[in-house]
Structure formats: C-alpha cells, structure tokens
C-alpha cells in the first residue's frame, strides 16, 4: 500500500517501548495506516526509514534521535 500523504510526525521526550525487531530501547514508534503500532530502535528505524514512511499514518520520534526519514 502506498500513500501520497506524509505521516504526522511528533517529537516526544522519551519512549518506553522496546524495538519489535531486536528488543533494544525504541527511538521511534509508528502507527500503521492499516492499523496497529510498531516500535524501532535507532538502527532499525534508520535502516527501514523508506518503508516506515510509506506505511505510517503517525510517527513518534524520541527527542534527540536523528532519523534518516525526517
């Protein structure tokens, strides 16, 4: 699924979730267009930035994290 709209991006103080890929501290949380949420550590968020933007309706980024998709 692709979208022509950019996801809403919010910067928040601190995330408490763990990465759904590796279990490290999450730096980015995604609300999916199709429903549901995923969390990513900095490594996985940057590695998959293009896919994240394509499937996200909302993205929350931890303050101070430099994300490749922003």
PDB file of N, CA and C in Angstrom:
ATOM      1  N   UNK A   1       0.855  -1.178   0.000  1.00  0.00           N
ATOM      2  CA  UNK A   1       0.000   0.000   0.000  1.00  0.00           C
ATOM      3  C   UNK A   1       0.897   1.237   0.000  1.00  0.00           C
ATOM      4  N   UNK A   2       0.573   2.208  -0.800  1.00  0.00           N
ATOM      5  CA  UNK A   2       1.316   3.463  -0.807  1.00  0.00           C
ATOM      6  C   UNK A   2       0.374   4.602  -0.468  1.00  0.00           C
ATOM      7  N   UNK A   3       0.961   5.681  -0.016  1.00  0.00           N
ATOM      8  CA  UNK A   3       0.161   6.849   0.328  1.00  0.00           C
ATOM      9  C   UNK A   3       0.817   8.090  -0.250  1.00  0.00           C
ATOM     10  N   UNK A   4       0.000   9.054  -0.665  1.00  0.00           N
ATOM     11  CA  UNK A   4       0.511  10.307  -1.180  1.00  0.00           C
ATOM     12  C   UNK A   4       0.671  11.328  -0.064  1.00  0.00           C
ATOM     13  N   UNK A   5       0.131  11.003   1.104  1.00  0.00           N
ATOM     14  CA  UNK A   5       0.209  11.910   2.240  1.00  0.00           C
ATOM     15  C   UNK A   5       1.396  11.539   3.120  1.00  0.00           C
ATOM     16  N   UNK A   6       2.041  12.539   3.664  1.00  0.00           N
ATOM     17  CA  UNK A   6       3.131  12.295   4.602  1.00  0.00           C
ATOM     18  C   UNK A   6       2.533  11.963   5.964  1.00  0.00           C
ATOM     19  N   UNK A   7       3.195  11.071   6.700  1.00  0.00           N
ATOM     20  CA  UNK A   7       2.681  10.782   8.044  1.00  0.00           C
ATOM     21  C   UNK A   7       2.878  11.968   8.985  1.00  0.00           C
ATOM     22  N   UNK A   8       2.015  12.067   9.964  1.00  0.00           N
ATOM     23  CA  UNK A   8       2.168  13.074  11.020  1.00  0.00           C
ATOM     24  C   UNK A   8       3.372  12.663  11.861  1.00  0.00           C
ATOM     25  N   UNK A   9       4.270  13.603  12.137  1.00  0.00           N
ATOM     26  CA  UNK A   9       5.467  13.301  12.922  1.00  0.00           C
ATOM     27  C   UNK A   9       5.476  14.154  14.186  1.00  0.00           C
ATOM     28  N   UNK A  10       5.591  13.494  15.335  1.00  0.00           N
ATOM     29  CA  UNK A  10       5.666  14.168  16.629  1.00  0.00           C
ATOM     30  C   UNK A  10       6.986  13.800  17.305  1.00  0.00           C
ATOM     31  N   UNK A  11       7.612  14.769  17.923  1.00  0.00           N
ATOM     32  CA  UNK A  11       8.812  14.524  18.731  1.00  0.00           C
ATOM     33  C   UNK A  11       8.369  14.539  20.185  1.00  0.00           C
ATOM     34  N   UNK A  12       8.714  13.477  20.901  1.00  0.00           N
ATOM     35  CA  UNK A  12       8.317  13.380  22.299  1.00  0.00           C
ATOM     36  C   UNK A  12       9.554  13.185  23.175  1.00  0.00           C
ATOM     37  N   UNK A  13       9.416  13.463  24.444  1.00  0.00           N
ATOM     38  CA  UNK A  13      10.545  13.434  25.369  1.00  0.00           C
ATOM     39  C   UNK A  13      11.251  12.099  25.462  1.00  0.00           C
ATOM     40  N   UNK A  14      10.504  11.038  25.741  1.00  0.00           N
ATOM     41  CA  UNK A  14      11.127   9.733  25.926  1.00  0.00           C
ATOM     42  C   UNK A  14      10.139   8.632  25.573  1.00  0.00           C
ATOM     43  N   UNK A  15      10.606   7.622  24.869  1.00  0.00           N
ATOM     44  CA  UNK A  15       9.798   6.450  24.562  1.00  0.00           C
ATOM     45  C   UNK A  15      10.116   5.356  25.566  1.00  0.00           C
ATOM     46  N   UNK A  16       9.123   4.564  25.916  1.00  0.00           N
ATOM     47  CA  UNK A  16       9.331   3.487  26.881  1.00  0.00           C
ATOM     48  C   UNK A  16       9.252   2.098  26.252  1.00  0.00           C
ATOM     49  N   UNK A  17       8.880   2.031  24.991  1.00  0.00           N
ATOM     50  CA  UNK A  17       8.754   0.748  24.299  1.00  0.00           C
ATOM     51  C   UNK A  17      10.115   0.155  23.951  1.00  0.00           C
ATOM     52  N   UNK A  18      10.097  -1.102  23.524  1.00  0.00           N
ATOM     53  CA  UNK A  18      11.280  -1.808  23.054  1.00  0.00           C
ATOM     54  C   UNK A  18      11.106  -2.077  21.557  1.00  0.00           C
ATOM     55  N   UNK A  19      12.211  -2.154  20.837  1.00  0.00           N
ATOM     56  CA  UNK A  19      12.201  -2.410  19.395  1.00  0.00           C
ATOM     57  C   UNK A  19      11.543  -3.760  19.109  1.00  0.00           C
ATOM     58  N   UNK A  20      10.604  -3.777  18.168  1.00  0.00           N
ATOM     59  CA  UNK A  20       9.931  -5.013  17.789  1.00  0.00           C
ATOM     60  C   UNK A  20      10.839  -5.944  16.976  1.00  0.00           C
ATOM     61  N   UNK A  21      11.952  -5.446  16.481  1.00  0.00           N
ATOM     62  CA  UNK A  21      12.887  -6.267  15.714  1.00  0.00           C
ATOM     63  C   UNK A  21      13.949  -6.922  16.592  1.00  0.00           C
ATOM     64  N   UNK A  22      14.505  -6.163  17.573  1.00  0.00           N
ATOM     65  CA  UNK A  22      15.659  -6.697  18.318  1.00  0.00           C
ATOM     66  C   UNK A  22      15.554  -6.544  19.838  1.00  0.00           C
ATOM     67  N   UNK A  23      14.562  -5.812  20.336  1.00  0.00           N
ATOM     68  CA  UNK A  23      14.385  -5.661  21.773  1.00  0.00           C
ATOM     69  C   UNK A  23      15.145  -4.506  22.413  1.00  0.00           C
ATOM     70  N   UNK A  24      15.935  -3.761  21.636  1.00  0.00           N
ATOM     71  CA  UNK A  24      16.646  -2.589  22.171  1.00  0.00           C
ATOM     72  C   UNK A  24      15.642  -1.474  22.475  1.00  0.00           C
ATOM     73  N   UNK A  25      16.074  -0.467  23.198  1.00  0.00           N
ATOM     74  CA  UNK A  25      15.210   0.668  23.522  1.00  0.00           C
ATOM     75  C   UNK A  25      14.720   1.339  22.239  1.00  0.00           C
ATOM     76  N   UNK A  26      13.425   1.584  22.156  1.00  0.00           N
ATOM     77  CA  UNK A  26      12.840   2.206  20.964  1.00  0.00           C
ATOM     78  C   UNK A  26      13.184   3.689  20.903  1.00  0.00           C
ATOM     79  N   UNK A  27      13.456   4.157  19.708  1.00  0.00           N
ATOM     80  CA  UNK A  27      13.683   5.572  19.438  1.00  0.00           C
ATOM     81  C   UNK A  27      12.579   6.133  18.548  1.00  0.00           C
ATOM     82  N   UNK A  28      11.757   5.237  17.968  1.00  0.00           N
ATOM     83  CA  UNK A  28      10.712   5.648  17.040  1.00  0.00           C
ATOM     84  C   UNK A  28       9.546   4.675  17.155  1.00  0.00           C
ATOM     85  N   UNK A  29       8.331   5.205  17.232  1.00  0.00           N
ATOM     86  CA  UNK A  29       7.115   4.395  17.232  1.00  0.00           C
ATOM     87  C   UNK A  29       6.266   4.797  16.037  1.00  0.00           C
ATOM     88  N   UNK A  30       5.644   3.816  15.416  1.00  0.00           N
ATOM     89  CA  UNK A  30       4.872   4.033  14.197  1.00  0.00           C
ATOM     90  C   UNK A  30       3.448   3.544  14.388  1.00  0.00           C
ATOM     91  N   UNK A  31       2.477   4.375  14.026  1.00  0.00           N
ATOM     92  CA  UNK A  31       1.098   3.936  13.893  1.00  0.00           C
ATOM     93  C   UNK A  31       0.891   3.650  12.412  1.00  0.00           C
ATOM     94  N   UNK A  32       0.515   2.428  12.096  1.00  0.00           N
ATOM     95  CA  UNK A  32       0.387   2.000  10.708  1.00  0.00           C
ATOM     96  C   UNK A  32      -0.929   2.448  10.086  1.00  0.00           C
ATOM     97  N   UNK A  33      -0.904   2.740   8.800  1.00  0.00           N
ATOM     98  CA  UNK A  33      -2.116   3.090   8.056  1.00  0.00           C
ATOM     99  C   UNK A  33      -3.138   1.973   8.175  1.00  0.00           C
ATOM    100  N   UNK A  34      -2.671   0.740   8.128  1.00  0.00           N
ATOM    101  CA  UNK A  34      -3.559  -0.425   8.176  1.00  0.00           C
ATOM    102  C   UNK A  34      -4.022  -0.770   9.586  1.00  0.00           C
ATOM    103  N   UNK A  35      -3.516  -0.045  10.587  1.00  0.00           N
ATOM    104  CA  UNK A  35      -3.869  -0.301  11.980  1.00  0.00           C
ATOM    105  C   UNK A  35      -2.713  -0.986  12.695  1.00  0.00           C
ATOM    106  N   UNK A  36      -2.623  -0.780  13.977  1.00  0.00           N
ATOM    107  CA  UNK A  36      -1.553  -1.365  14.763  1.00  0.00           C
ATOM    108  C   UNK A  36      -0.382  -0.413  14.913  1.00  0.00           C
ATOM    109  N   UNK A  37       0.560  -0.815  15.732  1.00  0.00           N
ATOM    110  CA  UNK A  37       1.737   0.009  16.000  1.00  0.00           C
ATOM    111  C   UNK A  37       2.986  -0.855  16.008  1.00  0.00           C
ATOM    112  N   UNK A  38       4.107  -0.245  15.668  1.00  0.00           N
ATOM    113  CA  UNK A  38       5.414  -0.879  15.734  1.00  0.00           C
ATOM    114  C   UNK A  38       6.388   0.080  16.390  1.00  0.00           C
ATOM    115  N   UNK A  39       7.400  -0.472  17.045  1.00  0.00           N
ATOM    116  CA  UNK A  39       8.458   0.328  17.654  1.00  0.00           C
ATOM    117  C   UNK A  39       9.800  -0.120  17.079  1.00  0.00           C
ATOM    118  N   UNK A  40      10.715   0.841  16.894  1.00  0.00           N
ATOM    119  CA  UNK A  40      12.024   0.546  16.327  1.00  0.00           C
ATOM    120  C   UNK A  40      13.128   1.224  17.124  1.00  0.00           C
ATOM    121  N   UNK A  41      14.243   0.525  17.316  1.00  0.00           N
ATOM    122  CA  UNK A  41      15.451   1.146  17.858  1.00  0.00           C
ATOM    123  C   UNK A  41      16.014   2.085  16.792  1.00  0.00           C
ATOM    124  N   UNK A  42      17.021   2.851  17.144  1.00  0.00           N
ATOM    125  CA  UNK A  42      17.614   3.782  16.189  1.00  0.00           C
ATOM    126  C   UNK A  42      18.153   3.097  14.943  1.00  0.00           C
ATOM    127  N   UNK A  43      18.837   1.975  15.125  1.00  0.00           N
ATOM    128  CA  UNK A  43      19.415   1.242  13.997  1.00  0.00           C
ATOM    129  C   UNK A  43      18.335   0.796  13.010  1.00  0.00           C
ATOM    130  N   UNK A  44      17.301   0.136  13.509  1.00  0.00           N
ATOM    131  CA  UNK A  44      16.255  -0.373  12.625  1.00  0.00           C
ATOM    132  C   UNK A  44      15.376   0.748  12.056  1.00  0.00           C
ATOM    133  N   UNK A  45      15.158   1.806  12.816  1.00  0.00           N
ATOM    134  CA  UNK A  45      14.384   2.945  12.300  1.00  0.00           C
ATOM    135  C   UNK A  45      15.088   3.570  11.105  1.00  0.00           C
ATOM    136  N   UNK A  46      16.395   3.744  11.200  1.00  0.00           N
ATOM    137  CA  UNK A  46      17.142   4.335  10.083  1.00  0.00           C
ATOM    138  C   UNK A  46      17.297   3.359   8.922  1.00  0.00           C
ATOM    139  N   UNK A  47      17.484   2.098   9.233  1.00  0.00           N
ATOM    140  CA  UNK A  47      17.646   1.095   8.180  1.00  0.00           C
ATOM    141  C   UNK A  47      16.378   0.967   7.329  1.00  0.00           C
ATOM    142  N   UNK A  48      15.215   1.086   7.952  1.00  0.00           N
ATOM    143  CA  UNK A  48      13.933   0.871   7.265  1.00  0.00           C
ATOM    144  C   UNK A  48      13.138   2.166   7.077  1.00  0.00           C
ATOM    145  N   UNK A  49      13.813   3.317   7.080  1.00  0.00           N
ATOM    146  CA  UNK A  49      13.111   4.606   7.051  1.00  0.00           C
ATOM    147  C   UNK A  49      12.167   4.763   5.858  1.00  0.00           C
ATOM    148  N   UNK A  50      12.559   4.319   4.678  1.00  0.00           N
ATOM    149  CA  UNK A  50      11.698   4.484   3.487  1.00  0.00           C
ATOM    150  C   UNK A  50      10.414   3.676   3.620  1.00  0.00           C
ATOM    151  N   UNK A  51      10.508   2.451   4.119  1.00  0.00           N
ATOM    152  CA  UNK A  51       9.318   1.621   4.315  1.00  0.00           C
ATOM    153  C   UNK A  51       8.428   2.180   5.422  1.00  0.00           C
ATOM    154  N   UNK A  52       9.041   2.698   6.472  1.00  0.00           N
ATOM    155  CA  UNK A  52       8.273   3.266   7.584  1.00  0.00           C
ATOM    156  C   UNK A  52       7.420   4.431   7.099  1.00  0.00           C
ATOM    157  N   UNK A  53       8.007   5.336   6.344  1.00  0.00           N
ATOM    158  CA  UNK A  53       7.269   6.497   5.835  1.00  0.00           C
ATOM    159  C   UNK A  53       6.123   6.054   4.933  1.00  0.00           C
ATOM    160  N   UNK A  54       6.332   5.005   4.170  1.00  0.00           N
ATOM    161  CA  UNK A  54       5.333   4.523   3.214  1.00  0.00           C
ATOM    162  C   UNK A  54       4.105   3.924   3.905  1.00  0.00           C
ATOM    163  N   UNK A  55       4.276   3.312   5.079  1.00  0.00           N
ATOM    164  CA  UNK A  55       3.162   2.605   5.719  1.00  0.00           C
ATOM    165  C   UNK A  55       2.619   3.293   6.973  1.00  0.00           C
ATOM    166  N   UNK A  56       3.198   4.429   7.348  1.00  0.00           N
ATOM    167  CA  UNK A  56       2.828   5.088   8.607  1.00  0.00           C
ATOM    168  C   UNK A  56       1.765   6.164   8.435  1.00  0.00           C
ATOM    169  N   UNK A  57       0.847   6.225   9.393  1.00  0.00           N
ATOM    170  CA  UNK A  57      -0.065   7.364   9.462  1.00  0.00           C
ATOM    171  C   UNK A  57       0.452   8.373  10.477  1.00  0.00           C
ATOM    172  N   UNK A  58       1.192   7.873  11.492  1.00  0.00           N
ATOM    173  CA  UNK A  58       1.753   8.745  12.522  1.00  0.00           C
ATOM    174  C   UNK A  58       3.077   8.155  12.996  1.00  0.00           C
ATOM    175  N   UNK A  59       4.043   9.035  13.239  1.00  0.00           N
ATOM    176  CA  UNK A  59       5.355   8.617  13.718  1.00  0.00           C
ATOM    177  C   UNK A  59       5.706   9.461  14.939  1.00  0.00           C
ATOM    178  N   UNK A  60       6.149   8.788  16.003  1.00  0.00           N
ATOM    179  CA  UNK A  60       6.619   9.463  17.210  1.00  0.00           C
ATOM    180  C   UNK A  60       8.110   9.195  17.342  1.00  0.00           C
ATOM    181  N   UNK A  61       8.893  10.258  17.427  1.00  0.00           N
ATOM    182  CA  UNK A  61      10.347  10.160  17.496  1.00  0.00           C
ATOM    183  C   UNK A  61      10.815  10.673  18.849  1.00  0.00           C
ATOM    184  N   UNK A  62      11.724   9.944  19.473  1.00  0.00           N
ATOM    185  CA  UNK A  62      12.280  10.391  20.743  1.00  0.00           C
ATOM    186  C   UNK A  62      13.148  11.622  20.513  1.00  0.00           C
ATOM    187  N   UNK A  63      12.977  12.626  21.370  1.00  0.00           N
ATOM    188  CA  UNK A  63      13.740  13.864  21.281  1.00  0.00           C
ATOM    189  C   UNK A  63      15.235  13.558  21.292  1.00  0.00           C
ATOM    190  N   UNK A  64      15.972  14.148  20.371  1.00  0.00           N
ATOM    191  CA  UNK A  64      17.410  13.947  20.269  1.00  0.00           C
ATOM    192  C   UNK A  64      17.819  12.864  19.289  1.00  0.00           C
ATOM    193  N   UNK A  65      16.869  12.036  18.819  1.00  0.00           N
ATOM    194  CA  UNK A  65      17.179  10.989  17.857  1.00  0.00           C
ATOM    195  C   UNK A  65      17.188  11.567  16.446  1.00  0.00           C
ATOM    196  N   UNK A  66      18.250  11.326  15.714  1.00  0.00           N
ATOM    197  CA  UNK A  66      18.387  11.810  14.343  1.00  0.00           C
ATOM    198  C   UNK A  66      17.933  10.696  13.398  1.00  0.00           C
ATOM    199  N   UNK A  67      16.717  10.841  12.845  1.00  0.00           N
ATOM    200  CA  UNK A  67      16.128   9.815  11.998  1.00  0.00           C
ATOM    201  C   UNK A  67      16.352  10.133  10.535  1.00  0.00           C
ATOM    202  N   UNK A  68      16.740   9.132   9.751  1.00  0.00           N
ATOM    203  CA  UNK A  68      17.020   9.292   8.325  1.00  0.00           C
ATOM    204  C   UNK A  68      15.771   9.638   7.523  1.00  0.00           C
ATOM    205  N   UNK A  69      14.585   9.341   8.024  1.00  0.00           N
ATOM    206  CA  UNK A  69      13.352   9.591   7.292  1.00  0.00           C
ATOM    207  C   UNK A  69      12.759  10.959   7.478  1.00  0.00           C
ATOM    208  N   UNK A  70      13.369  11.763   8.320  1.00  0.00           N
ATOM    209  CA  UNK A  70      12.806  13.087   8.633  1.00  0.00           C
ATOM    210  C   UNK A  70      13.400  14.162   7.774  1.00  0.00           C
TER     211      UNK A  70
END
